[in-house]
Amino acid sequence: DYADSVKGRFTISRDNGKNTVYLQMNS
């Protein structure tokens, strides 16, 4: 889920093998 202000620009993802969550922020 995303805030309206970041939809289409930000992407959240996770790698359970690396115990890490990411936030890719574009534009």
mmCIF file of all heavy atoms, coordinates in Angstrom:
data_MODEL
# 
_entry.id   MODEL 
# 
loop_
_atom_site.group_PDB 
_atom_site.id 
_atom_site.type_symbol 
_atom_site.label_atom_id 
_atom_site.label_alt_id 
_atom_site.label_comp_id 
_atom_site.label_asym_id 
_atom_site.label_entity_id 
_atom_site.label_seq_id 
_atom_site.pdbx_PDB_ins_code 
_atom_site.Cartn_x 
_atom_site.Cartn_y 
_atom_site.Cartn_z 
_atom_site.occupancy 
_atom_site.B_iso_or_equiv 
_atom_site.pdbx_formal_charge 
_atom_site.auth_seq_id 
_atom_site.auth_comp_id 
_atom_site.auth_asym_id 
_atom_site.auth_atom_id 
_atom_site.pdbx_PDB_model_num 
ATOM 1   N N   . ASP A 1 1  ? 0.844  -1.186  0.000   1.00 0.00 ? 1  ASP A N   1 
ATOM 2   C CA  . ASP A 1 1  ? 0.000  0.000   0.000   1.00 0.00 ? 1  ASP A CA  1 
ATOM 3   C C   . ASP A 1 1  ? 0.882  1.241   0.000   1.00 0.00 ? 1  ASP A C   1 
ATOM 4   O O   . ASP A 1 1  ? 1.989  1.214   0.537   1.00 0.00 ? 1  ASP A O   1 
ATOM 5   C CB  . ASP A 1 1  ? -0.928 0.015   1.211   1.00 0.00 ? 1  ASP A CB  1 
ATOM 6   C CG  . ASP A 1 1  ? -2.053 -0.999  1.078   1.00 0.00 ? 1  ASP A CG  1 
ATOM 7   O OD1 . ASP A 1 1  ? -3.029 -0.697  0.365   1.00 0.00 ? 1  ASP A OD1 1 
ATOM 8   O OD2 . ASP A 1 1  ? -1.939 -2.089  1.661   1.00 0.00 ? 1  ASP A OD2 1 
ATOM 9   N N   . TYR A 1 2  ? 0.356  2.316   -0.599  1.00 0.00 ? 2  TYR A N   1 
ATOM 10  C CA  . TYR A 1 2  ? 1.125  3.540   -0.741  1.00 0.00 ? 2  TYR A CA  1 
ATOM 11  C C   . TYR A 1 2  ? 0.274  4.753   -0.397  1.00 0.00 ? 2  TYR A C   1 
ATOM 12  O O   . TYR A 1 2  ? -0.942 4.768   -0.625  1.00 0.00 ? 2  TYR A O   1 
ATOM 13  C CB  . TYR A 1 2  ? 1.624  3.702   -2.182  1.00 0.00 ? 2  TYR A CB  1 
ATOM 14  C CG  . TYR A 1 2  ? 2.573  2.623   -2.632  1.00 0.00 ? 2  TYR A CG  1 
ATOM 15  C CD1 . TYR A 1 2  ? 2.113  1.466   -3.243  1.00 0.00 ? 2  TYR A CD1 1 
ATOM 16  C CD2 . TYR A 1 2  ? 3.944  2.763   -2.428  1.00 0.00 ? 2  TYR A CD2 1 
ATOM 17  C CE1 . TYR A 1 2  ? 2.983  0.474   -3.642  1.00 0.00 ? 2  TYR A CE1 1 
ATOM 18  C CE2 . TYR A 1 2  ? 4.826  1.773   -2.832  1.00 0.00 ? 2  TYR A CE2 1 
ATOM 19  C CZ  . TYR A 1 2  ? 4.336  0.630   -3.427  1.00 0.00 ? 2  TYR A CZ  1 
ATOM 20  O OH  . TYR A 1 2  ? 5.213  -0.347  -3.821  1.00 0.00 ? 2  TYR A OH  1 
ATOM 21  N N   . ALA A 1 3  ? 0.951  5.784   0.090   1.00 0.00 ? 3  ALA A N   1 
ATOM 22  C CA  . ALA A 1 3  ? 0.299  7.077   0.213   1.00 0.00 ? 3  ALA A CA  1 
ATOM 23  C C   . ALA A 1 3  ? 0.040  7.618   -1.185  1.00 0.00 ? 3  ALA A C   1 
ATOM 24  O O   . ALA A 1 3  ? 0.818  7.379   -2.121  1.00 0.00 ? 3  ALA A O   1 
ATOM 25  C CB  . ALA A 1 3  ? 1.187  8.036   0.997   1.00 0.00 ? 3  ALA A CB  1 
ATOM 26  N N   . ASP A 1 4  ? -1.032 8.360   -1.340  1.00 0.00 ? 4  ASP A N   1 
ATOM 27  C CA  . ASP A 1 4  ? -1.373 8.913   -2.652  1.00 0.00 ? 4  ASP A CA  1 
ATOM 28  C C   . ASP A 1 4  ? -0.244 9.777   -3.198  1.00 0.00 ? 4  ASP A C   1 
ATOM 29  O O   . ASP A 1 4  ? -0.012 9.814   -4.407  1.00 0.00 ? 4  ASP A O   1 
ATOM 30  C CB  . ASP A 1 4  ? -2.656 9.735   -2.557  1.00 0.00 ? 4  ASP A CB  1 
ATOM 31  C CG  . ASP A 1 4  ? -3.899 8.878   -2.380  1.00 0.00 ? 4  ASP A CG  1 
ATOM 32  O OD1 . ASP A 1 4  ? -3.818 7.659   -2.651  1.00 0.00 ? 4  ASP A OD1 1 
ATOM 33  O OD2 . ASP A 1 4  ? -4.924 9.427   -1.953  1.00 0.00 ? 4  ASP A OD2 1 
ATOM 34  N N   . SER A 1 5  ? 0.462  10.448  -2.310  1.00 0.00 ? 5  SER A N   1 
ATOM 35  C CA  . SER A 1 5  ? 1.500  11.389  -2.727  1.00 0.00 ? 5  SER A CA  1 
ATOM 36  C C   . SER A 1 5  ? 2.705  10.701  -3.366  1.00 0.00 ? 5  SER A C   1 
ATOM 37  O O   . SER A 1 5  ? 3.507  11.365  -4.039  1.00 0.00 ? 5  SER A O   1 
ATOM 38  C CB  . SER A 1 5  ? 1.969  12.224  -1.536  1.00 0.00 ? 5  SER A CB  1 
ATOM 39  O OG  . SER A 1 5  ? 2.470  11.388  -0.509  1.00 0.00 ? 5  SER A OG  1 
ATOM 40  N N   . VAL A 1 6  ? 2.851  9.395   -3.164  1.00 0.00 ? 6  VAL A N   1 
ATOM 41  C CA  . VAL A 1 6  ? 4.024  8.700   -3.716  1.00 0.00 ? 6  VAL A CA  1 
ATOM 42  C C   . VAL A 1 6  ? 3.659  7.608   -4.717  1.00 0.00 ? 6  VAL A C   1 
ATOM 43  O O   . VAL A 1 6  ? 4.555  7.005   -5.320  1.00 0.00 ? 6  VAL A O   1 
ATOM 44  C CB  . VAL A 1 6  ? 4.894  8.098   -2.592  1.00 0.00 ? 6  VAL A CB  1 
ATOM 45  C CG1 . VAL A 1 6  ? 5.251  9.159   -1.574  1.00 0.00 ? 6  VAL A CG1 1 
ATOM 46  C CG2 . VAL A 1 6  ? 4.224  6.902   -1.937  1.00 0.00 ? 6  VAL A CG2 1 
ATOM 47  N N   . LYS A 1 7  ? 2.371  7.354   -4.900  1.00 0.00 ? 7  LYS A N   1 
ATOM 48  C CA  . LYS A 1 7  ? 1.963  6.304   -5.836  1.00 0.00 ? 7  LYS A CA  1 
ATOM 49  C C   . LYS A 1 7  ? 2.507  6.573   -7.233  1.00 0.00 ? 7  LYS A C   1 
ATOM 50  O O   . LYS A 1 7  ? 2.449  7.687   -7.732  1.00 0.00 ? 7  LYS A O   1 
ATOM 51  C CB  . LYS A 1 7  ? 0.432  6.218   -5.894  1.00 0.00 ? 7  LYS A CB  1 
ATOM 52  C CG  . LYS A 1 7  ? -0.181 5.419   -4.783  1.00 0.00 ? 7  LYS A CG  1 
ATOM 53  C CD  . LYS A 1 7  ? -1.695 5.378   -4.927  1.00 0.00 ? 7  LYS A CD  1 
ATOM 54  C CE  . LYS A 1 7  ? -2.334 4.650   -3.762  1.00 0.00 ? 7  LYS A CE  1 
ATOM 55  N NZ  . LYS A 1 7  ? -3.814 4.686   -3.822  1.00 0.00 ? 7  LYS A NZ  1 
ATOM 56  N N   . GLY A 1 8  ? 3.033  5.527   -7.839  1.00 0.00 ? 8  GLY A N   1 
ATOM 57  C CA  . GLY A 1 8  ? 3.597  5.653   -9.177  1.00 0.00 ? 8  GLY A CA  1 
ATOM 58  C C   . GLY A 1 8  ? 5.036  6.120   -9.188  1.00 0.00 ? 8  GLY A C   1 
ATOM 59  O O   . GLY A 1 8  ? 5.695  6.068   -10.229 1.00 0.00 ? 8  GLY A O   1 
ATOM 60  N N   . ARG A 1 9  ? 5.543  6.585   -8.057  1.00 0.00 ? 9  ARG A N   1 
ATOM 61  C CA  . ARG A 1 9  ? 6.938  7.063   -7.977  1.00 0.00 ? 9  ARG A CA  1 
ATOM 62  C C   . ARG A 1 9  ? 7.789  6.192   -7.057  1.00 0.00 ? 9  ARG A C   1 
ATOM 63  O O   . ARG A 1 9  ? 8.974  6.004   -7.314  1.00 0.00 ? 9  ARG A O   1 
ATOM 64  C CB  . ARG A 1 9  ? 6.982  8.511   -7.478  1.00 0.00 ? 9  ARG A CB  1 
ATOM 65  C CG  . ARG A 1 9  ? 6.241  9.499   -8.353  1.00 0.00 ? 9  ARG A CG  1 
ATOM 66  C CD  . ARG A 1 9  ? 6.498  10.938  -7.912  1.00 0.00 ? 9  ARG A CD  1 
ATOM 67  N NE  . ARG A 1 9  ? 6.041  11.216  -6.558  1.00 0.00 ? 9  ARG A NE  1 
ATOM 68  C CZ  . ARG A 1 9  ? 6.824  11.645  -5.566  1.00 0.00 ? 9  ARG A CZ  1 
ATOM 69  N NH1 . ARG A 1 9  ? 8.106  11.863  -5.782  1.00 0.00 ? 9  ARG A NH1 1 
ATOM 70  N NH2 . ARG A 1 9  ? 6.316  11.887  -4.367  1.00 0.00 ? 9  ARG A NH2 1 
ATOM 71  N N   . PHE A 1 10 ? 7.196  5.704   -5.976  1.00 0.00 ? 10 PHE A N   1 
ATOM 72  C CA  . PHE A 1 10 ? 7.918  4.905   -4.986  1.00 0.00 ? 10 PHE A CA  1 
ATOM 73  C C   . PHE A 1 10 ? 7.470  3.448   -5.072  1.00 0.00 ? 10 PHE A C   1 
ATOM 74  O O   . PHE A 1 10 ? 6.303  3.161   -5.366  1.00 0.00 ? 10 PHE A O   1 
ATOM 75  C CB  . PHE A 1 10 ? 7.635  5.412   -3.579  1.00 0.00 ? 10 PHE A CB  1 
ATOM 76  C CG  . PHE A 1 10 ? 8.218  6.751   -3.228  1.00 0.00 ? 10 PHE A CG  1 
ATOM 77  C CD1 . PHE A 1 10 ? 8.778  7.585   -4.194  1.00 0.00 ? 10 PHE A CD1 1 
ATOM 78  C CD2 . PHE A 1 10 ? 8.202  7.180   -1.907  1.00 0.00 ? 10 PHE A CD2 1 
ATOM 79  C CE1 . PHE A 1 10 ? 9.311  8.815   -3.864  1.00 0.00 ? 10 PHE A CE1 1 
ATOM 80  C CE2 . PHE A 1 10 ? 8.739  8.418   -1.549  1.00 0.00 ? 10 PHE A CE2 1 
ATOM 81  C CZ  . PHE A 1 10 ? 9.275  9.230   -2.535  1.00 0.00 ? 10 PHE A CZ  1 
ATOM 82  N N   . THR A 1 11 ? 8.410  2.552   -4.771  1.00 0.00 ? 11 THR A N   1 
ATOM 83  C CA  . THR A 1 11 ? 8.098  1.127   -4.734  1.00 0.00 ? 11 THR A CA  1 
ATOM 84  C C   . THR A 1 11 ? 8.709  0.507   -3.490  1.00 0.00 ? 11 THR A C   1 
ATOM 85  O O   . THR A 1 11 ? 9.909  0.641   -3.258  1.00 0.00 ? 11 THR A O   1 
ATOM 86  C CB  . THR A 1 11 ? 8.645  0.407   -5.974  1.00 0.00 ? 11 THR A CB  1 
ATOM 87  O OG1 . THR A 1 11 ? 8.100  1.007   -7.159  1.00 0.00 ? 11 THR A OG1 1 
ATOM 88  C CG2 . THR A 1 11 ? 8.268  -1.070  -5.950  1.00 0.00 ? 11 THR A CG2 1 
ATOM 89  N N   . ILE A 1 12 ? 7.871  -0.159  -2.706  1.00 0.00 ? 12 ILE A N   1 
ATOM 90  C CA  . ILE A 1 12 ? 8.356  -0.879  -1.536  1.00 0.00 ? 12 ILE A CA  1 
ATOM 91  C C   . ILE A 1 12 ? 8.522  -2.347  -1.918  1.00 0.00 ? 12 ILE A C   1 
ATOM 92  O O   . ILE A 1 12 ? 7.714  -2.912  -2.664  1.00 0.00 ? 12 ILE A O   1 
ATOM 93  C CB  . ILE A 1 12 ? 7.395  -0.719  -0.336  1.00 0.00 ? 12 ILE A CB  1 
ATOM 94  C CG1 . ILE A 1 12 ? 8.014  -1.308  0.939   1.00 0.00 ? 12 ILE A CG1 1 
ATOM 95  C CG2 . ILE A 1 12 ? 6.035  -1.315  -0.619  1.00 0.00 ? 12 ILE A CG2 1 
ATOM 96  C CD1 . ILE A 1 12 ? 7.224  -0.986  2.219   1.00 0.00 ? 12 ILE A CD1 1 
ATOM 97  N N   . SER A 1 13 ? 9.589  -2.957  -1.404  1.00 0.00 ? 13 SER A N   1 
ATOM 98  C CA  . SER A 1 13 ? 9.828  -4.371  -1.667  1.00 0.00 ? 13 SER A CA  1 
ATOM 99  C C   . SER A 1 13 ? 10.599 -4.945  -0.480  1.00 0.00 ? 13 SER A C   1 
ATOM 100 O O   . SER A 1 13 ? 11.061 -4.203  0.393   1.00 0.00 ? 13 SER A O   1 
ATOM 101 C CB  . SER A 1 13 ? 10.615 -4.570  -2.963  1.00 0.00 ? 13 SER A CB  1 
ATOM 102 O OG  . SER A 1 13 ? 11.889 -3.959  -2.879  1.00 0.00 ? 13 SER A OG  1 
ATOM 103 N N   . ARG A 1 14 ? 10.706 -6.255  -0.452  1.00 0.00 ? 14 ARG A N   1 
ATOM 104 C CA  . ARG A 1 14 ? 11.450 -6.886  0.638   1.00 0.00 ? 14 ARG A CA  1 
ATOM 105 C C   . ARG A 1 14 ? 12.144 -8.133  0.119   1.00 0.00 ? 14 ARG A C   1 
ATOM 106 O O   . ARG A 1 14 ? 11.693 -8.772  -0.830  1.00 0.00 ? 14 ARG A O   1 
ATOM 107 C CB  . ARG A 1 14 ? 10.534 -7.225  1.808   1.00 0.00 ? 14 ARG A CB  1 
ATOM 108 C CG  . ARG A 1 14 ? 9.482  -8.262  1.521   1.00 0.00 ? 14 ARG A CG  1 
ATOM 109 C CD  . ARG A 1 14 ? 8.486  -8.364  2.684   1.00 0.00 ? 14 ARG A CD  1 
ATOM 110 N NE  . ARG A 1 14 ? 9.089  -8.875  3.900   1.00 0.00 ? 14 ARG A NE  1 
ATOM 111 C CZ  . ARG A 1 14 ? 8.542  -8.727  5.128   1.00 0.00 ? 14 ARG A CZ  1 
ATOM 112 N NH1 . ARG A 1 14 ? 7.401  -8.040  5.258   1.00 0.00 ? 14 ARG A NH1 1 
ATOM 113 N NH2 . ARG A 1 14 ? 9.126  -9.234  6.192   1.00 0.00 ? 14 ARG A NH2 1 
ATOM 114 N N   . ASP A 1 15 ? 13.232 -8.463  0.797   1.00 0.00 ? 15 ASP A N   1 
ATOM 115 C CA  . ASP A 1 15 ? 13.980 -9.679  0.519   1.00 0.00 ? 15 ASP A CA  1 
ATOM 116 C C   . ASP A 1 15 ? 14.086 -10.430 1.833   1.00 0.00 ? 15 ASP A C   1 
ATOM 117 O O   . ASP A 1 15 ? 14.904 -10.071 2.693   1.00 0.00 ? 15 ASP A O   1 
ATOM 118 C CB  . ASP A 1 15 ? 15.353 -9.326  -0.046  1.00 0.00 ? 15 ASP A CB  1 
ATOM 119 C CG  . ASP A 1 15 ? 16.139 -10.548 -0.471  1.00 0.00 ? 15 ASP A CG  1 
ATOM 120 O OD1 . ASP A 1 15 ? 15.890 -11.643 0.059   1.00 0.00 ? 15 ASP A OD1 1 
ATOM 121 O OD2 . ASP A 1 15 ? 17.032 -10.410 -1.320  1.00 0.00 ? 15 ASP A OD2 1 
ATOM 122 N N   . ASN A 1 16 ? 13.251 -11.456 1.988   1.00 0.00 ? 16 ASN A N   1 
ATOM 123 C CA  . ASN A 1 16 ? 13.244 -12.182 3.257   1.00 0.00 ? 16 ASN A CA  1 
ATOM 124 C C   . ASN A 1 16 ? 14.533 -12.986 3.476   1.00 0.00 ? 16 ASN A C   1 
ATOM 125 O O   . ASN A 1 16 ? 14.873 -13.312 4.609   1.00 0.00 ? 16 ASN A O   1 
ATOM 126 C CB  . ASN A 1 16 ? 12.032 -13.097 3.327   1.00 0.00 ? 16 ASN A CB  1 
ATOM 127 C CG  . ASN A 1 16 ? 10.743 -12.313 3.545   1.00 0.00 ? 16 ASN A CG  1 
ATOM 128 O OD1 . ASN A 1 16 ? 10.777 -11.144 3.911   1.00 0.00 ? 16 ASN A OD1 1 
ATOM 129 N ND2 . ASN A 1 16 ? 9.612  -12.958 3.293   1.00 0.00 ? 16 ASN A ND2 1 
ATOM 130 N N   . GLY A 1 17 ? 15.242 -13.288 2.411   1.00 0.00 ? 17 GLY A N   1 
ATOM 131 C CA  . GLY A 1 17 ? 16.521 -13.962 2.556   1.00 0.00 ? 17 GLY A CA  1 
ATOM 132 C C   . GLY A 1 17 ? 17.603 -13.053 3.113   1.00 0.00 ? 17 GLY A C   1 
ATOM 133 O O   . GLY A 1 17 ? 18.559 -13.516 3.737   1.00 0.00 ? 17 GLY A O   1 
ATOM 134 N N   . LYS A 1 18 ? 17.424 -11.753 2.903   1.00 0.00 ? 18 LYS A N   1 
ATOM 135 C CA  . LYS A 1 18 ? 18.405 -10.770 3.384   1.00 0.00 ? 18 LYS A CA  1 
ATOM 136 C C   . LYS A 1 18 ? 17.877 -9.970  4.571   1.00 0.00 ? 18 LYS A C   1 
ATOM 137 O O   . LYS A 1 18 ? 18.549 -9.046  5.034   1.00 0.00 ? 18 LYS A O   1 
ATOM 138 C CB  . LYS A 1 18 ? 18.791 -9.815  2.250   1.00 0.00 ? 18 LYS A CB  1 
ATOM 139 C CG  . LYS A 1 18 ? 19.529 -10.488 1.108   1.00 0.00 ? 18 LYS A CG  1 
ATOM 140 C CD  . LYS A 1 18 ? 19.935 -9.483  0.050   1.00 0.00 ? 18 LYS A CD  1 
ATOM 141 C CE  . LYS A 1 18 ? 20.720 -10.163 -1.059  1.00 0.00 ? 18 LYS A CE  1 
ATOM 142 N NZ  . LYS A 1 18 ? 21.136 -9.199  -2.117  1.00 0.00 ? 18 LYS A NZ  1 
ATOM 143 N N   . ASN A 1 19 ? 16.666 -10.297 5.031   1.00 0.00 ? 19 ASN A N   1 
ATOM 144 C CA  . ASN A 1 19 ? 16.071 -9.571  6.165   1.00 0.00 ? 19 ASN A CA  1 
ATOM 145 C C   . ASN A 1 19 ? 16.068 -8.057  5.941   1.00 0.00 ? 19 ASN A C   1 
ATOM 146 O O   . ASN A 1 19 ? 16.406 -7.277  6.849   1.00 0.00 ? 19 ASN A O   1 
ATOM 147 C CB  . ASN A 1 19 ? 16.826 -9.891  7.465   1.00 0.00 ? 19 ASN A CB  1 
ATOM 148 C CG  . ASN A 1 19 ? 16.580 -11.305 7.949   1.00 0.00 ? 19 ASN A CG  1 
ATOM 149 O OD1 . ASN A 1 19 ? 15.823 -12.057 7.344   1.00 0.00 ? 19 ASN A OD1 1 
ATOM 150 N ND2 . ASN A 1 19 ? 17.230 -11.682 9.021   1.00 0.00 ? 19 ASN A ND2 1 
ATOM 151 N N   . THR A 1 20 ? 15.687 -7.662  4.761   1.00 0.00 ? 20 THR A N   1 
ATOM 152 C CA  . THR A 1 20 ? 15.757 -6.250  4.397   1.00 0.00 ? 20 THR A CA  1 
ATOM 153 C C   . THR A 1 20 ? 14.503 -5.823  3.636   1.00 0.00 ? 20 THR A C   1 
ATOM 154 O O   . THR A 1 20 ? 14.006 -6.573  2.787   1.00 0.00 ? 20 THR A O   1 
ATOM 155 C CB  . THR A 1 20 ? 17.002 -5.978  3.538   1.00 0.00 ? 20 THR A CB  1 
ATOM 156 O OG1 . THR A 1 20 ? 18.177 -6.363  4.271   1.00 0.00 ? 20 THR A OG1 1 
ATOM 157 C CG2 . THR A 1 20 ? 17.115 -4.506  3.180   1.00 0.00 ? 20 THR A CG2 1 
ATOM 158 N N   . VAL A 1 21 ? 14.054 -4.625  3.944   1.00 0.00 ? 21 VAL A N   1 
ATOM 159 C CA  . VAL A 1 21 ? 12.978 -3.999  3.187   1.00 0.00 ? 21 VAL A CA  1 
ATOM 160 C C   . VAL A 1 21 ? 13.555 -2.770  2.488   1.00 0.00 ? 21 VAL A C   1 
ATOM 161 O O   . VAL A 1 21 ? 14.449 -2.107  3.038   1.00 0.00 ? 21 VAL A O   1 
ATOM 162 C CB  . VAL A 1 21 ? 11.786 -3.644  4.087   1.00 0.00 ? 21 VAL A CB  1 
ATOM 163 C CG1 . VAL A 1 21 ? 12.157 -2.633  5.153   1.00 0.00 ? 21 VAL A CG1 1 
ATOM 164 C CG2 . VAL A 1 21 ? 10.598 -3.156  3.265   1.00 0.00 ? 21 VAL A CG2 1 
ATOM 165 N N   . TYR A 1 22 ? 13.053 -2.513  1.292   1.00 0.00 ? 22 TYR A N   1 
ATOM 166 C CA  . TYR A 1 22 ? 13.576 -1.424  0.471   1.00 0.00 ? 22 TYR A CA  1 
ATOM 167 C C   . TYR A 1 22 ? 12.483 -0.427  0.124   1.00 0.00 ? 22 TYR A C   1 
ATOM 168 O O   . TYR A 1 22 ? 11.297 -0.762  0.099   1.00 0.00 ? 22 TYR A O   1 
ATOM 169 C CB  . TYR A 1 22 ? 14.150 -1.986  -0.841  1.00 0.00 ? 22 TYR A CB  1 
ATOM 170 C CG  . TYR A 1 22 ? 15.216 -3.029  -0.659  1.00 0.00 ? 22 TYR A CG  1 
ATOM 171 C CD1 . TYR A 1 22 ? 14.900 -4.386  -0.743  1.00 0.00 ? 22 TYR A CD1 1 
ATOM 172 C CD2 . TYR A 1 22 ? 16.531 -2.676  -0.407  1.00 0.00 ? 22 TYR A CD2 1 
ATOM 173 C CE1 . TYR A 1 22 ? 15.875 -5.363  -0.579  1.00 0.00 ? 22 TYR A CE1 1 
ATOM 174 C CE2 . TYR A 1 22 ? 17.509 -3.650  -0.239  1.00 0.00 ? 22 TYR A CE2 1 
ATOM 175 C CZ  . TYR A 1 22 ? 17.168 -4.978  -0.321  1.00 0.00 ? 22 TYR A CZ  1 
ATOM 176 O OH  . TYR A 1 22 ? 18.145 -5.933  -0.138  1.00 0.00 ? 22 TYR A OH  1 
ATOM 177 N N   . LEU A 1 23 ? 12.918 0.793   -0.161  1.00 0.00 ? 23 LEU A N   1 
ATOM 178 C CA  . LEU A 1 23 ? 12.017 1.783   -0.718  1.00 0.00 ? 23 LEU A CA  1 
ATOM 179 C C   . LEU A 1 23 ? 12.743 2.438   -1.887  1.00 0.00 ? 23 LEU A C   1 
ATOM 180 O O   . LEU A 1 23 ? 13.682 3.206   -1.680  1.00 0.00 ? 23 LEU A O   1 
ATOM 181 C CB  . LEU A 1 23 ? 11.628 2.832   0.327   1.00 0.00 ? 23 LEU A CB  1 
ATOM 182 C CG  . LEU A 1 23 ? 10.586 3.852   -0.148  1.00 0.00 ? 23 LEU A CG  1 
ATOM 183 C CD1 . LEU A 1 23 ? 9.239  3.157   -0.363  1.00 0.00 ? 23 LEU A CD1 1 
ATOM 184 C CD2 . LEU A 1 23 ? 10.436 4.993   0.848   1.00 0.00 ? 23 LEU A CD2 1 
ATOM 185 N N   . GLN A 1 24 ? 12.320 2.090   -3.086  1.00 0.00 ? 24 GLN A N   1 
ATOM 186 C CA  . GLN A 1 24 ? 12.870 2.710   -4.284  1.00 0.00 ? 24 GLN A CA  1 
ATOM 187 C C   . GLN A 1 24 ? 12.079 3.978   -4.555  1.00 0.00 ? 24 GLN A C   1 
ATOM 188 O O   . GLN A 1 24 ? 10.853 3.921   -4.705  1.00 0.00 ? 24 GLN A O   1 
ATOM 189 C CB  . GLN A 1 24 ? 12.760 1.758   -5.474  1.00 0.00 ? 24 GLN A CB  1 
ATOM 190 C CG  . GLN A 1 24 ? 13.252 2.339   -6.789  1.00 0.00 ? 24 GLN A CG  1 
ATOM 191 C CD  . GLN A 1 24 ? 14.732 2.614   -6.800  1.00 0.00 ? 24 GLN A CD  1 
ATOM 192 O OE1 . GLN A 1 24 ? 15.527 1.791   -6.361  1.00 0.00 ? 24 GLN A OE1 1 
ATOM 193 N NE2 . GLN A 1 24 ? 15.121 3.770   -7.307  1.00 0.00 ? 24 GLN A NE2 1 
ATOM 194 N N   . MET A 1 25 ? 12.793 5.088   -4.610  1.00 0.00 ? 25 MET A N   1 
ATOM 195 C CA  . MET A 1 25 ? 12.148 6.389   -4.774  1.00 0.00 ? 25 MET A CA  1 
ATOM 196 C C   . MET A 1 25 ? 12.614 7.014   -6.080  1.00 0.00 ? 25 MET A C   1 
ATOM 197 O O   . MET A 1 25 ? 13.813 7.304   -6.221  1.00 0.00 ? 25 MET A O   1 
ATOM 198 C CB  . MET A 1 25 ? 12.476 7.305   -3.596  1.00 0.00 ? 25 MET A CB  1 
ATOM 199 C CG  . MET A 1 25 ? 12.132 6.696   -2.245  1.00 0.00 ? 25 MET A CG  1 
ATOM 200 S SD  . MET A 1 25 ? 12.360 7.840   -0.878  1.00 0.00 ? 25 MET A SD  1 
ATOM 201 C CE  . MET A 1 25 ? 14.132 8.092   -0.949  1.00 0.00 ? 25 MET A CE  1 
ATOM 202 N N   . ASN A 1 26 ? 11.703 7.193   -7.002  1.00 0.00 ? 26 ASN A N   1 
ATOM 203 C CA  . ASN A 1 26 ? 12.001 7.794   -8.292  1.00 0.00 ? 26 ASN A CA  1 
ATOM 204 C C   . ASN A 1 26 ? 11.256 9.116   -8.451  1.00 0.00 ? 26 ASN A C   1 
ATOM 205 O O   . ASN A 1 26 ? 10.312 9.398   -7.713  1.00 0.00 ? 26 ASN A O   1 
ATOM 206 C CB  . ASN A 1 26 ? 11.584 6.845   -9.426  1.00 0.00 ? 26 ASN A CB  1 
ATOM 207 C CG  . ASN A 1 26 ? 12.327 5.535   -9.398  1.00 0.00 ? 26 ASN A CG  1 
ATOM 208 O OD1 . ASN A 1 26 ? 13.485 5.462   -8.968  1.00 0.00 ? 26 ASN A OD1 1 
ATOM 209 N ND2 . ASN A 1 26 ? 11.673 4.468   -9.860  1.00 0.00 ? 26 ASN A ND2 1 
ATOM 210 N N   . SER A 1 27 ? 11.682 9.898   -9.410  1.00 0.00 ? 27 SER A N   1 
ATOM 211 C CA  . SER A 1 27 ? 11.038 11.190  -9.695  1.00 0.00 ? 27 SER A CA  1 
ATOM 212 C C   . SER A 1 27 ? 10.858 11.997  -8.426  1.00 0.00 ? 27 SER A C   1 
ATOM 213 O O   . SER A 1 27 ? 9.768  12.522  -8.146  1.00 0.00 ? 27 SER A O   1 
ATOM 214 C CB  . SER A 1 27 ? 9.687  10.961  -10.383 1.00 0.00 ? 27 SER A CB  1 
ATOM 215 O OG  . SER A 1 27 ? 9.846  10.226  -11.564 1.00 0.00 ? 27 SER A OG  1 
# 
